[in-house]
């Protein structure tokens, strides 16, 4: 398995595994033992980087990783997140942002227990909280690092001003942002700042929440509880219009004997050596397909061909409803 470094210091597998969908968001309840098998199968295949959050479930995803990965804890890097007030009845969702220092420290303690570990490798602020100065957030995580409870500090969906201010208090190892061929906004300002400061980028939804795999079209029925049904970009009309992105990936894939998903991941990996995508899956067969992206080499000509074709495509539909998009710093 190829390795990459986030923030010039945290070495992880070149592809990580986003674990949210094992417990949350897609309207399917997966068998716990089956998911443990997928997680351990990922370790067997050389994946060392696993992504979770307290809000996934809530709590159940962290507990799943704790059970699955504690026997191989010395071989893996676990990232989790803070930043929300969760529903008091334990139901999915949240009641607004909360990155007050005392909340951050409480989340860390609770996450450590669920993850069955004594240290969190990478602790992200899940979304920027405008009510709490980012310096206070970075300071709280710095104290957790000094106490040996956290190793690295991360941000998610933060703007460049926030990144700079946080980094000045406690060096940021990684920024987690949505980034893929159909969401390229980070290229404008964020990626240059990450390069300047030596911060790694962890793209979530690198396969467009499943759309870039080529397994969906405008006729695909999204099941009850599947959060994609609330996203403007996943209306049948938007999916039909956005098929052009999948067609581009498919055409490149035919040249490379690769699937659209593999081309989408290979394109991300080719952008910068400090980018580590975290595609999610609940199937070992899909995991094997994703890992296959590491063997695909996209030449400068290939990348130029993709760039030229992508420039002619207008992606339809906002990625999130307005109230969620407002929670990002981009």
C-alpha atoms as a PDB file:
ATOM      1  CA  UNK A   1       0.000   0.000   0.000  1.00  0.00           C
ATOM      2  CA  UNK A   2       1.338   3.420  -0.975  1.00  0.00           C
ATOM      3  CA  UNK A   3       1.725   5.939   1.844  1.00  0.00           C
ATOM      4  CA  UNK A   4       1.282   9.704   1.992  1.00  0.00           C
ATOM      5  CA  UNK A   5       1.965  12.335   4.638  1.00  0.00           C
ATOM      6  CA  UNK A   6      -0.547  14.832   5.964  1.00  0.00           C
ATOM      7  CA  UNK A   7       0.980  18.034   7.290  1.00  0.00           C
ATOM      8  CA  UNK A   8       4.468  16.653   6.629  1.00  0.00           C
ATOM      9  CA  UNK A   9       4.158  14.495   9.731  1.00  0.00           C
ATOM     10  CA  UNK A  10       1.153  12.134   9.839  1.00  0.00           C
ATOM     11  CA  UNK A  11       1.833   9.137   7.590  1.00  0.00           C
ATOM     12  CA  UNK A  12      -1.246   7.280   6.355  1.00  0.00           C
ATOM     13  CA  UNK A  13      -2.241   4.985   3.520  1.00  0.00           C
ATOM     14  CA  UNK A  14      -2.697   6.882   0.232  1.00  0.00           C
ATOM     15  CA  UNK A  15      -6.407   6.089   0.431  1.00  0.00           C
ATOM     16  CA  UNK A  16      -8.345   6.184   3.672  1.00  0.00           C
ATOM     17  CA  UNK A  17     -11.780   4.795   4.494  1.00  0.00           C
ATOM     18  CA  UNK A  18     -14.713   7.045   5.280  1.00  0.00           C
ATOM     19  CA  UNK A  19     -16.855   5.100   7.725  1.00  0.00           C
ATOM     20  CA  UNK A  20     -19.964   7.294   8.070  1.00  0.00           C
ATOM     21  CA  UNK A  21     -22.126   5.212   5.742  1.00  0.00           C
ATOM     22  CA  UNK A  22     -21.656   2.123   7.868  1.00  0.00           C
ATOM     23  CA  UNK A  23     -23.893   3.659  10.536  1.00  0.00           C
ATOM     24  CA  UNK A  24     -25.515   6.800   9.207  1.00  0.00           C
ATOM     25  CA  UNK A  25     -27.011   8.868   6.386  1.00  0.00           C
ATOM     26  CA  UNK A  26     -27.868   6.418   3.632  1.00  0.00           C
ATOM     27  CA  UNK A  27     -31.065   4.967   5.076  1.00  0.00           C
ATOM     28  CA  UNK A  28     -29.692   1.422   5.387  1.00  0.00           C
ATOM     29  CA  UNK A  29     -29.000  -0.379   8.656  1.00  0.00           C
ATOM     30  CA  UNK A  30     -25.943  -2.533   8.156  1.00  0.00           C
ATOM     31  CA  UNK A  31     -25.121  -5.629  10.187  1.00  0.00           C
ATOM     32  CA  UNK A  32     -22.482  -4.725  12.762  1.00  0.00           C
ATOM     33  CA  UNK A  33     -20.468  -7.902  12.368  1.00  0.00           C
ATOM     34  CA  UNK A  34     -20.455  -7.465   8.611  1.00  0.00           C
ATOM     35  CA  UNK A  35     -19.114  -3.922   9.003  1.00  0.00           C
ATOM     36  CA  UNK A  36     -16.458  -5.126  11.449  1.00  0.00           C
ATOM     37  CA  UNK A  37     -15.437  -7.570   8.721  1.00  0.00           C
ATOM     38  CA  UNK A  38     -15.138  -4.728   6.209  1.00  0.00           C
ATOM     39  CA  UNK A  39     -13.066  -2.621   8.594  1.00  0.00           C
ATOM     40  CA  UNK A  40     -10.683  -5.457   9.407  1.00  0.00           C
ATOM     41  CA  UNK A  41     -10.564  -6.403   5.735  1.00  0.00           C
ATOM     42  CA  UNK A  42      -9.461  -2.849   5.011  1.00  0.00           C
ATOM     43  CA  UNK A  43      -6.610  -3.194   7.500  1.00  0.00           C
ATOM     44  CA  UNK A  44      -5.608  -6.487   5.880  1.00  0.00           C
ATOM     45  CA  UNK A  45      -5.445  -4.663   2.530  1.00  0.00           C
ATOM     46  CA  UNK A  46      -3.128  -1.987   3.899  1.00  0.00           C
ATOM     47  CA  UNK A  47      -5.615   0.781   4.678  1.00  0.00           C
ATOM     48  CA  UNK A  48      -4.400   2.571   7.791  1.00  0.00           C
ATOM     49  CA  UNK A  49      -6.560   5.734   7.841  1.00  0.00           C
ATOM     50  CA  UNK A  50     -10.132   5.585   9.171  1.00  0.00           C
ATOM     51  CA  UNK A  51     -12.548   8.499   9.444  1.00  0.00           C
ATOM     52  CA  UNK A  52     -15.481   8.803  11.856  1.00  0.00           C
ATOM     53  CA  UNK A  53     -17.279  11.401  14.034  1.00  0.00           C
ATOM     54  CA  UNK A  54     -19.411  11.465  17.150  1.00  0.00           C
ATOM     55  CA  UNK A  55     -22.363  12.776  15.111  1.00  0.00           C
ATOM     56  CA  UNK A  56     -22.379   9.670  12.883  1.00  0.00           C
ATOM     57  CA  UNK A  57     -25.191   7.737  14.480  1.00  0.00           C
ATOM     58  CA  UNK A  58     -24.783   9.585  16.790  1.00  0.00           C
ATOM     59  CA  UNK A  59     -22.051   7.666  18.612  1.00  0.00           C
ATOM     60  CA  UNK A  60     -22.613   4.287  16.943  1.00  0.00           C
ATOM     61  CA  UNK A  61     -19.986   4.764  14.255  1.00  0.00           C
ATOM     62  CA  UNK A  62     -17.242   5.543  16.762  1.00  0.00           C
ATOM     63  CA  UNK A  63     -18.291   2.527  18.823  1.00  0.00           C
ATOM     64  CA  UNK A  64     -18.155   0.350  15.701  1.00  0.00           C
ATOM     65  CA  UNK A  65     -14.619   1.476  14.945  1.00  0.00           C
ATOM     66  CA  UNK A  66     -13.616   0.973  18.554  1.00  0.00           C
ATOM     67  CA  UNK A  67     -14.752  -2.630  18.474  1.00  0.00           C
ATOM     68  CA  UNK A  68     -13.334  -3.373  15.040  1.00  0.00           C
ATOM     69  CA  UNK A  69      -9.979  -1.629  15.285  1.00  0.00           C
ATOM     70  CA  UNK A  70      -8.936  -1.965  18.926  1.00  0.00           C
ATOM     71  CA  UNK A  71      -7.206  -5.324  18.234  1.00  0.00           C
ATOM     72  CA  UNK A  72      -5.097  -3.636  15.528  1.00  0.00           C
ATOM     73  CA  UNK A  73      -4.873  -0.194  17.117  1.00  0.00           C
ATOM     74  CA  UNK A  74      -1.113   0.056  16.650  1.00  0.00           C
ATOM     75  CA  UNK A  75      -1.515  -0.330  12.873  1.00  0.00           C
ATOM     76  CA  UNK A  76      -4.138   2.363  12.229  1.00  0.00           C
ATOM     77  CA  UNK A  77      -4.733   6.101  12.327  1.00  0.00           C
ATOM     78  CA  UNK A  78      -8.194   7.114  13.548  1.00  0.00           C
ATOM     79  CA  UNK A  79      -9.698  10.525  12.843  1.00  0.00           C
ATOM     80  CA  UNK A  80     -12.828  11.766  14.583  1.00  0.00           C
ATOM     81  CA  UNK A  81     -14.569  15.121  14.975  1.00  0.00           C
ATOM     82  CA  UNK A  82     -16.206  17.559  17.372  1.00  0.00           C
ATOM     83  CA  UNK A  83     -18.357  20.601  16.850  1.00  0.00           C
ATOM     84  CA  UNK A  84     -22.081  19.911  17.280  1.00  0.00           C
ATOM     85  CA  UNK A  85     -24.695  19.931  20.007  1.00  0.00           C
ATOM     86  CA  UNK A  86     -26.352  16.576  19.557  1.00  0.00           C
ATOM     87  CA  UNK A  87     -30.009  15.802  20.171  1.00  0.00           C
ATOM     88  CA  UNK A  88     -30.502  14.958  23.866  1.00  0.00           C
ATOM     89  CA  UNK A  89     -32.639  11.922  23.008  1.00  0.00           C
ATOM     90  CA  UNK A  90     -29.816  10.412  20.956  1.00  0.00           C
ATOM     91  CA  UNK A  91     -31.693  10.663  17.673  1.00  0.00           C
ATOM     92  CA  UNK A  92     -29.803  11.388  14.431  1.00  0.00           C
ATOM     93  CA  UNK A  93     -28.982  14.997  13.689  1.00  0.00           C
ATOM     94  CA  UNK A  94     -27.903  17.916  15.814  1.00  0.00           C
ATOM     95  CA  UNK A  95     -29.077  21.106  17.478  1.00  0.00           C
ATOM     96  CA  UNK A  96     -26.565  23.572  16.168  1.00  0.00           C
ATOM     97  CA  UNK A  97     -22.839  24.115  16.404  1.00  0.00           C
ATOM     98  CA  UNK A  98     -20.819  24.005  19.613  1.00  0.00           C
ATOM     99  CA  UNK A  99     -17.045  24.315  19.649  1.00  0.00           C
ATOM    100  CA  UNK A 100     -16.672  25.837  23.091  1.00  0.00           C
ATOM    101  CA  UNK A 101     -13.455  24.583  24.708  1.00  0.00           C
ATOM    102  CA  UNK A 102     -15.269  22.699  27.487  1.00  0.00           C
ATOM    103  CA  UNK A 103     -17.410  20.935  24.869  1.00  0.00           C
ATOM    104  CA  UNK A 104     -14.347  19.994  22.804  1.00  0.00           C
ATOM    105  CA  UNK A 105     -12.693  18.445  25.842  1.00  0.00           C
ATOM    106  CA  UNK A 106     -15.825  16.517  26.789  1.00  0.00           C
ATOM    107  CA  UNK A 107     -16.207  15.170  23.257  1.00  0.00           C
ATOM    108  CA  UNK A 108     -12.584  14.034  23.340  1.00  0.00           C
ATOM    109  CA  UNK A 109     -13.111  12.103  26.572  1.00  0.00           C
ATOM    110  CA  UNK A 110     -16.293  10.461  25.276  1.00  0.00           C
ATOM    111  CA  UNK A 111     -14.777   9.624  21.894  1.00  0.00           C
ATOM    112  CA  UNK A 112     -11.741   8.028  23.516  1.00  0.00           C
ATOM    113  CA  UNK A 113     -14.029   5.660  25.408  1.00  0.00           C
ATOM    114  CA  UNK A 114     -16.108   4.722  22.382  1.00  0.00           C
ATOM    115  CA  UNK A 115     -13.011   4.230  20.238  1.00  0.00           C
ATOM    116  CA  UNK A 116     -11.428   2.069  22.964  1.00  0.00           C
ATOM    117  CA  UNK A 117      -8.182   3.984  22.769  1.00  0.00           C
ATOM    118  CA  UNK A 118      -6.082   6.357  24.846  1.00  0.00           C
ATOM    119  CA  UNK A 119      -5.324   8.833  22.061  1.00  0.00           C
ATOM    120  CA  UNK A 120      -7.138  10.318  19.046  1.00  0.00           C
ATOM    121  CA  UNK A 121      -4.733  10.493  16.111  1.00  0.00           C
ATOM    122  CA  UNK A 122      -6.502  13.342  14.292  1.00  0.00           C
ATOM    123  CA  UNK A 123      -9.198  15.507  15.897  1.00  0.00           C
ATOM    124  CA  UNK A 124     -11.125  17.705  13.485  1.00  0.00           C
ATOM    125  CA  UNK A 125     -13.442  20.607  14.116  1.00  0.00           C
ATOM    126  CA  UNK A 126     -16.385  19.274  12.100  1.00  0.00           C
ATOM    127  CA  UNK A 127     -17.698  22.715  11.123  1.00  0.00           C
ATOM    128  CA  UNK A 128     -16.501  26.190  12.025  1.00  0.00           C
ATOM    129  CA  UNK A 129     -18.500  27.675  14.904  1.00  0.00           C
ATOM    130  CA  UNK A 130     -18.912  31.433  14.349  1.00  0.00           C
ATOM    131  CA  UNK A 131     -19.781  31.889  18.049  1.00  0.00           C
ATOM    132  CA  UNK A 132     -16.361  30.682  19.224  1.00  0.00           C
ATOM    133  CA  UNK A 133     -13.083  32.317  18.132  1.00  0.00           C
ATOM    134  CA  UNK A 134     -11.017  29.786  16.196  1.00  0.00           C
ATOM    135  CA  UNK A 135      -8.073  30.703  18.427  1.00  0.00           C
ATOM    136  CA  UNK A 136     -10.011  29.305  21.400  1.00  0.00           C
ATOM    137  CA  UNK A 137     -10.780  26.123  19.463  1.00  0.00           C
ATOM    138  CA  UNK A 138      -7.153  25.649  18.447  1.00  0.00           C
ATOM    139  CA  UNK A 139      -6.078  26.395  22.010  1.00  0.00           C
ATOM    140  CA  UNK A 140      -8.379  23.719  23.429  1.00  0.00           C
ATOM    141  CA  UNK A 141      -7.039  21.127  21.003  1.00  0.00           C
ATOM    142  CA  UNK A 142      -3.489  22.249  21.787  1.00  0.00           C
ATOM    143  CA  UNK A 143      -4.167  21.492  25.460  1.00  0.00           C
ATOM    144  CA  UNK A 144      -5.491  18.041  24.524  1.00  0.00           C
ATOM    145  CA  UNK A 145      -2.324  17.431  22.499  1.00  0.00           C
ATOM    146  CA  UNK A 146      -0.164  18.540  25.429  1.00  0.00           C
ATOM    147  CA  UNK A 147      -2.138  16.154  27.657  1.00  0.00           C
ATOM    148  CA  UNK A 148      -1.409  13.263  25.276  1.00  0.00           C
ATOM    149  CA  UNK A 149      -5.080  12.696  24.414  1.00  0.00           C
ATOM    150  CA  UNK A 150      -4.848  13.948  20.809  1.00  0.00           C
ATOM    151  CA  UNK A 151      -1.944  13.782  18.356  1.00  0.00           C
ATOM    152  CA  UNK A 152      -3.000  16.078  15.500  1.00  0.00           C
ATOM    153  CA  UNK A 153      -5.424  18.958  14.904  1.00  0.00           C
ATOM    154  CA  UNK A 154      -7.678  19.152  11.874  1.00  0.00           C
ATOM    155  CA  UNK A 155     -10.342  21.445  10.418  1.00  0.00           C
ATOM    156  CA  UNK A 156     -13.234  20.684   8.081  1.00  0.00           C
ATOM    157  CA  UNK A 157     -14.822  22.986   5.499  1.00  0.00           C
ATOM    158  CA  UNK A 158     -12.926  25.992   6.861  1.00  0.00           C
ATOM    159  CA  UNK A 159     -12.104  29.124   4.888  1.00  0.00           C
ATOM    160  CA  UNK A 160      -8.570  30.412   4.403  1.00  0.00           C
ATOM    161  CA  UNK A 161      -8.757  33.079   7.093  1.00  0.00           C
ATOM    162  CA  UNK A 162      -9.878  30.525   9.664  1.00  0.00           C
ATOM    163  CA  UNK A 163      -7.155  28.107   8.578  1.00  0.00           C
ATOM    164  CA  UNK A 164      -4.434  30.730   8.998  1.00  0.00           C
ATOM    165  CA  UNK A 165      -5.662  31.883  12.406  1.00  0.00           C
ATOM    166  CA  UNK A 166      -5.993  28.330  13.727  1.00  0.00           C
ATOM    167  CA  UNK A 167      -2.605  27.293  12.354  1.00  0.00           C
ATOM    168  CA  UNK A 168      -0.933  30.188  14.163  1.00  0.00           C
ATOM    169  CA  UNK A 169      -2.119  28.801  17.528  1.00  0.00           C
ATOM    170  CA  UNK A 170      -1.803  25.059  16.918  1.00  0.00           C
ATOM    171  CA  UNK A 171      -0.388  23.728  13.638  1.00  0.00           C
ATOM    172  CA  UNK A 172      -3.137  22.187  11.523  1.00  0.00           C
ATOM    173  CA  UNK A 173      -2.167  18.781  10.149  1.00  0.00           C
ATOM    174  CA  UNK A 174      -5.096  18.269   7.770  1.00  0.00           C
ATOM    175  CA  UNK A 175      -8.129  19.982   6.321  1.00  0.00           C
ATOM    176  CA  UNK A 176     -11.076  17.796   5.410  1.00  0.00           C
ATOM    177  CA  UNK A 177     -13.161  19.269   2.593  1.00  0.00           C
ATOM    178  CA  UNK A 178     -15.427  17.946  -0.078  1.00  0.00           C
ATOM    179  CA  UNK A 179     -13.368  17.798  -3.248  1.00  0.00           C
ATOM    180  CA  UNK A 180     -13.920  15.898  -6.481  1.00  0.00           C
ATOM    181  CA  UNK A 181     -14.364  16.458 -10.191  1.00  0.00           C
ATOM    182  CA  UNK A 182     -17.855  17.787  -9.504  1.00  0.00           C
ATOM    183  CA  UNK A 183     -16.946  20.001  -6.524  1.00  0.00           C
ATOM    184  CA  UNK A 184     -13.780  21.939  -7.210  1.00  0.00           C
ATOM    185  CA  UNK A 185     -14.200  25.125  -5.195  1.00  0.00           C
ATOM    186  CA  UNK A 186     -11.232  24.317  -2.893  1.00  0.00           C
ATOM    187  CA  UNK A 187      -8.915  24.849  -5.862  1.00  0.00           C
ATOM    188  CA  UNK A 188      -9.527  28.597  -5.947  1.00  0.00           C
ATOM    189  CA  UNK A 189      -8.162  29.642  -2.541  1.00  0.00           C
ATOM    190  CA  UNK A 190      -7.923  26.747  -0.113  1.00  0.00           C
ATOM    191  CA  UNK A 191      -5.471  24.422  -1.857  1.00  0.00           C
ATOM    192  CA  UNK A 192      -2.848  27.160  -2.446  1.00  0.00           C
ATOM    193  CA  UNK A 193      -2.978  28.081   1.257  1.00  0.00           C
ATOM    194  CA  UNK A 194      -2.648  24.445   2.307  1.00  0.00           C
ATOM    195  CA  UNK A 195       0.417  24.131   0.093  1.00  0.00           C
ATOM    196  CA  UNK A 196       1.910  27.303   1.557  1.00  0.00           C
ATOM    197  CA  UNK A 197       1.359  26.175   5.162  1.00  0.00           C
ATOM    198  CA  UNK A 198       2.193  22.481   4.693  1.00  0.00           C
ATOM    199  CA  UNK A 199      -1.283  21.192   5.564  1.00  0.00           C
ATOM    200  CA  UNK A 200      -2.667  17.988   4.057  1.00  0.00           C
ATOM    201  CA  UNK A 201      -6.046  17.750   2.324  1.00  0.00           C
ATOM    202  CA  UNK A 202      -8.459  14.902   3.031  1.00  0.00           C
ATOM    203  CA  UNK A 203     -11.243  14.970   0.410  1.00  0.00           C
ATOM    204  CA  UNK A 204     -14.521  13.553   1.637  1.00  0.00           C
ATOM    205  CA  UNK A 205     -17.161  12.448  -0.872  1.00  0.00           C
ATOM    206  CA  UNK A 206     -14.393  11.947  -3.467  1.00  0.00           C
ATOM    207  CA  UNK A 207     -16.873   9.855  -5.474  1.00  0.00           C
ATOM    208  CA  UNK A 208     -19.623  12.458  -5.316  1.00  0.00           C
ATOM    209  CA  UNK A 209     -21.616  10.584  -2.637  1.00  0.00           C
ATOM    210  CA  UNK A 210     -21.789   7.642  -5.009  1.00  0.00           C
ATOM    211  CA  UNK A 211     -22.774   9.503  -8.172  1.00  0.00           C
ATOM    212  CA  UNK A 212     -19.316   9.411  -9.786  1.00  0.00           C
ATOM    213  CA  UNK A 213     -19.216   5.617  -9.615  1.00  0.00           C
ATOM    214  CA  UNK A 214     -21.561   5.449 -12.579  1.00  0.00           C
ATOM    215  CA  UNK A 215     -23.962   3.263 -10.597  1.00  0.00           C
ATOM    216  CA  UNK A 216     -26.658   5.966 -10.404  1.00  0.00           C
ATOM    217  CA  UNK A 217     -28.765   7.876 -12.900  1.00  0.00           C
ATOM    218  CA  UNK A 218     -31.925   9.992 -12.846  1.00  0.00           C
ATOM    219  CA  UNK A 219     -34.069   6.873 -12.430  1.00  0.00           C
ATOM    220  CA  UNK A 220     -32.260   5.594  -9.334  1.00  0.00           C
ATOM    221  CA  UNK A 221     -34.619   5.464  -6.354  1.00  0.00           C
ATOM    222  CA  UNK A 222     -33.134   6.870  -3.163  1.00  0.00           C
ATOM    223  CA  UNK A 223     -34.432   4.913  -0.182  1.00  0.00           C
ATOM    224  CA  UNK A 224     -36.233   6.312   2.833  1.00  0.00           C
ATOM    225  CA  UNK A 225     -33.754   8.005   5.165  1.00  0.00           C
ATOM    226  CA  UNK A 226     -31.139   8.460   2.434  1.00  0.00           C
ATOM    227  CA  UNK A 227     -29.884  12.000   3.048  1.00  0.00           C
ATOM    228  CA  UNK A 228     -29.043  12.441  -0.635  1.00  0.00           C
ATOM    229  CA  UNK A 229     -32.762  12.851  -1.291  1.00  0.00           C
ATOM    230  CA  UNK A 230     -32.502  16.258   0.466  1.00  0.00           C
ATOM    231  CA  UNK A 231     -29.608  17.479  -1.696  1.00  0.00           C
ATOM    232  CA  UNK A 232     -30.329  19.736  -4.687  1.00  0.00           C
ATOM    233  CA  UNK A 233     -27.608  18.013  -6.699  1.00  0.00           C
ATOM    234  CA  UNK A 234     -29.431  14.685  -6.371  1.00  0.00           C
ATOM    235  CA  UNK A 235     -32.806  15.631  -7.805  1.00  0.00           C
ATOM    236  CA  UNK A 236     -33.618  13.457 -10.845  1.00  0.00           C
ATOM    237  CA  UNK A 237     -33.225  16.509 -13.086  1.00  0.00           C
ATOM    238  CA  UNK A 238     -29.785  17.365 -11.680  1.00  0.00           C
ATOM    239  CA  UNK A 239     -28.638  13.755 -11.924  1.00  0.00           C
ATOM    240  CA  UNK A 240     -29.675  13.646 -15.559  1.00  0.00           C
ATOM    241  CA  UNK A 241     -27.782  16.862 -16.316  1.00  0.00           C
ATOM    242  CA  UNK A 242     -24.723  15.771 -14.350  1.00  0.00           C
ATOM    243  CA  UNK A 243     -24.412  12.468 -16.180  1.00  0.00           C
ATOM    244  CA  UNK A 244     -21.910  14.318 -18.378  1.00  0.00           C
ATOM    245  CA  UNK A 245     -19.344  14.130 -15.552  1.00  0.00           C
ATOM    246  CA  UNK A 246     -19.799  10.356 -15.296  1.00  0.00           C
ATOM    247  CA  UNK A 247     -19.576  10.032 -19.081  1.00  0.00           C
ATOM    248  CA  UNK A 248     -16.218  11.825 -18.970  1.00  0.00           C
ATOM    249  CA  UNK A 249     -14.903   9.474 -16.275  1.00  0.00           C
ATOM    250  CA  UNK A 250     -16.221   6.484 -18.190  1.00  0.00           C
ATOM    251  CA  UNK A 251     -14.484   7.530 -21.409  1.00  0.00           C
ATOM    252  CA  UNK A 252     -11.142   7.994 -19.620  1.00  0.00           C
ATOM    253  CA  UNK A 253     -11.722   4.675 -17.859  1.00  0.00           C
ATOM    254  CA  UNK A 254     -12.051   2.869 -21.167  1.00  0.00           C
ATOM    255  CA  UNK A 255      -8.624   4.169 -22.150  1.00  0.00           C
ATOM    256  CA  UNK A 256      -7.147   3.029 -18.848  1.00  0.00           C
ATOM    257  CA  UNK A 257      -9.106  -0.215 -18.365  1.00  0.00           C
ATOM    258  CA  UNK A 258     -10.548   1.338 -15.208  1.00  0.00           C
ATOM    259  CA  UNK A 259     -13.943   2.099 -13.713  1.00  0.00           C
ATOM    260  CA  UNK A 260     -15.305   5.662 -13.403  1.00  0.00           C
ATOM    261  CA  UNK A 261     -14.734   5.498  -9.638  1.00  0.00           C
ATOM    262  CA  UNK A 262     -11.100   4.543 -10.116  1.00  0.00           C
ATOM    263  CA  UNK A 263     -10.527   7.424 -12.544  1.00  0.00           C
ATOM    264  CA  UNK A 264     -12.208   9.861 -10.139  1.00  0.00           C
ATOM    265  CA  UNK A 265      -9.890   8.782  -7.329  1.00  0.00           C
ATOM    266  CA  UNK A 266      -6.799   8.666  -9.547  1.00  0.00           C
ATOM    267  CA  UNK A 267      -7.550  12.234 -10.660  1.00  0.00           C
ATOM    268  CA  UNK A 268      -7.643  13.405  -7.025  1.00  0.00           C
ATOM    269  CA  UNK A 269      -4.439  11.558  -6.154  1.00  0.00           C
ATOM    270  CA  UNK A 270      -2.721  13.194  -9.135  1.00  0.00           C
ATOM    271  CA  UNK A 271      -3.533  16.739  -7.979  1.00  0.00           C
ATOM    272  CA  UNK A 272      -1.100  16.902  -5.038  1.00  0.00           C
ATOM    273  CA  UNK A 273       1.087  14.353  -3.204  1.00  0.00           C
ATOM    274  CA  UNK A 274      -0.457  15.440   0.123  1.00  0.00           C
ATOM    275  CA  UNK A 275      -4.055  14.686  -0.835  1.00  0.00           C
ATOM    276  CA  UNK A 276      -5.572  11.568   0.782  1.00  0.00           C
ATOM    277  CA  UNK A 277      -9.156  10.804  -0.317  1.00  0.00           C
ATOM    278  CA  UNK A 278     -11.444   8.886   2.023  1.00  0.00           C
ATOM    279  CA  UNK A 279     -14.067   7.128  -0.118  1.00  0.00           C
ATOM    280  CA  UNK A 280     -16.674   5.338   1.940  1.00  0.00           C
ATOM    281  CA  UNK A 281     -18.027   1.875   1.285  1.00  0.00           C
ATOM    282  CA  UNK A 282     -19.729  -0.988   3.073  1.00  0.00           C
ATOM    283  CA  UNK A 283     -18.503  -3.680   0.649  1.00  0.00           C
ATOM    284  CA  UNK A 284     -15.068  -5.253   0.353  1.00  0.00           C
ATOM    285  CA  UNK A 285     -15.531  -5.560  -3.414  1.00  0.00           C
ATOM    286  CA  UNK A 286     -15.922  -1.790  -3.691  1.00  0.00           C
ATOM    287  CA  UNK A 287     -12.956  -1.296  -1.371  1.00  0.00           C
ATOM    288  CA  UNK A 288     -10.853  -3.427  -3.700  1.00  0.00           C
ATOM    289  CA  UNK A 289     -12.091  -1.368  -6.655  1.00  0.00           C
ATOM    290  CA  UNK A 290     -11.135   1.867  -4.890  1.00  0.00           C
ATOM    291  CA  UNK A 291      -7.680   0.561  -3.983  1.00  0.00           C
ATOM    292  CA  UNK A 292      -7.230  -0.269  -7.657  1.00  0.00           C
ATOM    293  CA  UNK A 293      -7.171   3.483  -8.335  1.00  0.00           C
ATOM    294  CA  UNK A 294      -3.668   3.586  -6.860  1.00  0.00           C
ATOM    295  CA  UNK A 295      -2.362   1.601  -9.825  1.00  0.00           C
ATOM    296  CA  UNK A 296      -3.753   4.014 -12.407  1.00  0.00           C
ATOM    297  CA  UNK A 297      -1.287   6.559 -13.724  1.00  0.00           C
ATOM    298  CA  UNK A 298      -2.742   9.649 -15.304  1.00  0.00           C
ATOM    299  CA  UNK A 299      -0.164  11.376 -17.502  1.00  0.00           C
ATOM    300  CA  UNK A 300       0.034  15.122 -17.998  1.00  0.00           C
ATOM    301  CA  UNK A 301      -1.778  14.595 -21.292  1.00  0.00           C
ATOM    302  CA  UNK A 302      -4.496  12.575 -19.551  1.00  0.00           C
ATOM    303  CA  UNK A 303      -4.968  15.286 -16.942  1.00  0.00           C
ATOM    304  CA  UNK A 304      -5.068  17.955 -19.648  1.00  0.00           C
ATOM    305  CA  UNK A 305      -7.692  15.934 -21.526  1.00  0.00           C
ATOM    306  CA  UNK A 306      -9.816  15.620 -18.369  1.00  0.00           C
ATOM    307  CA  UNK A 307      -9.379  19.321 -17.597  1.00  0.00           C
ATOM    308  CA  UNK A 308     -10.411  20.381 -21.069  1.00  0.00           C
ATOM    309  CA  UNK A 309     -13.500  18.183 -21.086  1.00  0.00           C
ATOM    310  CA  UNK A 310     -14.495  19.100 -17.519  1.00  0.00           C
ATOM    311  CA  UNK A 311     -14.277  22.808 -18.330  1.00  0.00           C
ATOM    312  CA  UNK A 312     -17.123  22.365 -20.808  1.00  0.00           C
ATOM    313  CA  UNK A 313     -19.419  20.776 -18.208  1.00  0.00           C
ATOM    314  CA  UNK A 314     -21.617  22.855 -15.927  1.00  0.00           C
ATOM    315  CA  UNK A 315     -22.541  20.860 -12.827  1.00  0.00           C
ATOM    316  CA  UNK A 316     -26.198  21.359 -11.955  1.00  0.00           C
ATOM    317  CA  UNK A 317     -27.600  21.745  -8.433  1.00  0.00           C
ATOM    318  CA  UNK A 318     -26.175  23.041  -5.164  1.00  0.00           C
ATOM    319  CA  UNK A 319     -24.309  20.435  -3.158  1.00  0.00           C
ATOM    320  CA  UNK A 320     -26.272  21.129   0.067  1.00  0.00           C
ATOM    321  CA  UNK A 321     -29.477  22.917   1.069  1.00  0.00           C
ATOM    322  CA  UNK A 322     -28.794  26.534   2.004  1.00  0.00           C
ATOM    323  CA  UNK A 323     -28.978  26.060   5.793  1.00  0.00           C
ATOM    324  CA  UNK A 324     -26.214  23.423   5.670  1.00  0.00           C
ATOM    325  CA  UNK A 325     -24.084  25.240   3.113  1.00  0.00           C
ATOM    326  CA  UNK A 326     -24.066  28.248   5.458  1.00  0.00           C
ATOM    327  CA  UNK A 327     -22.179  26.095   7.974  1.00  0.00           C
ATOM    328  CA  UNK A 328     -19.135  25.968   5.704  1.00  0.00           C
ATOM    329  CA  UNK A 329     -16.422  28.578   5.471  1.00  0.00           C
ATOM    330  CA  UNK A 330     -15.889  28.338   1.727  1.00  0.00           C
END
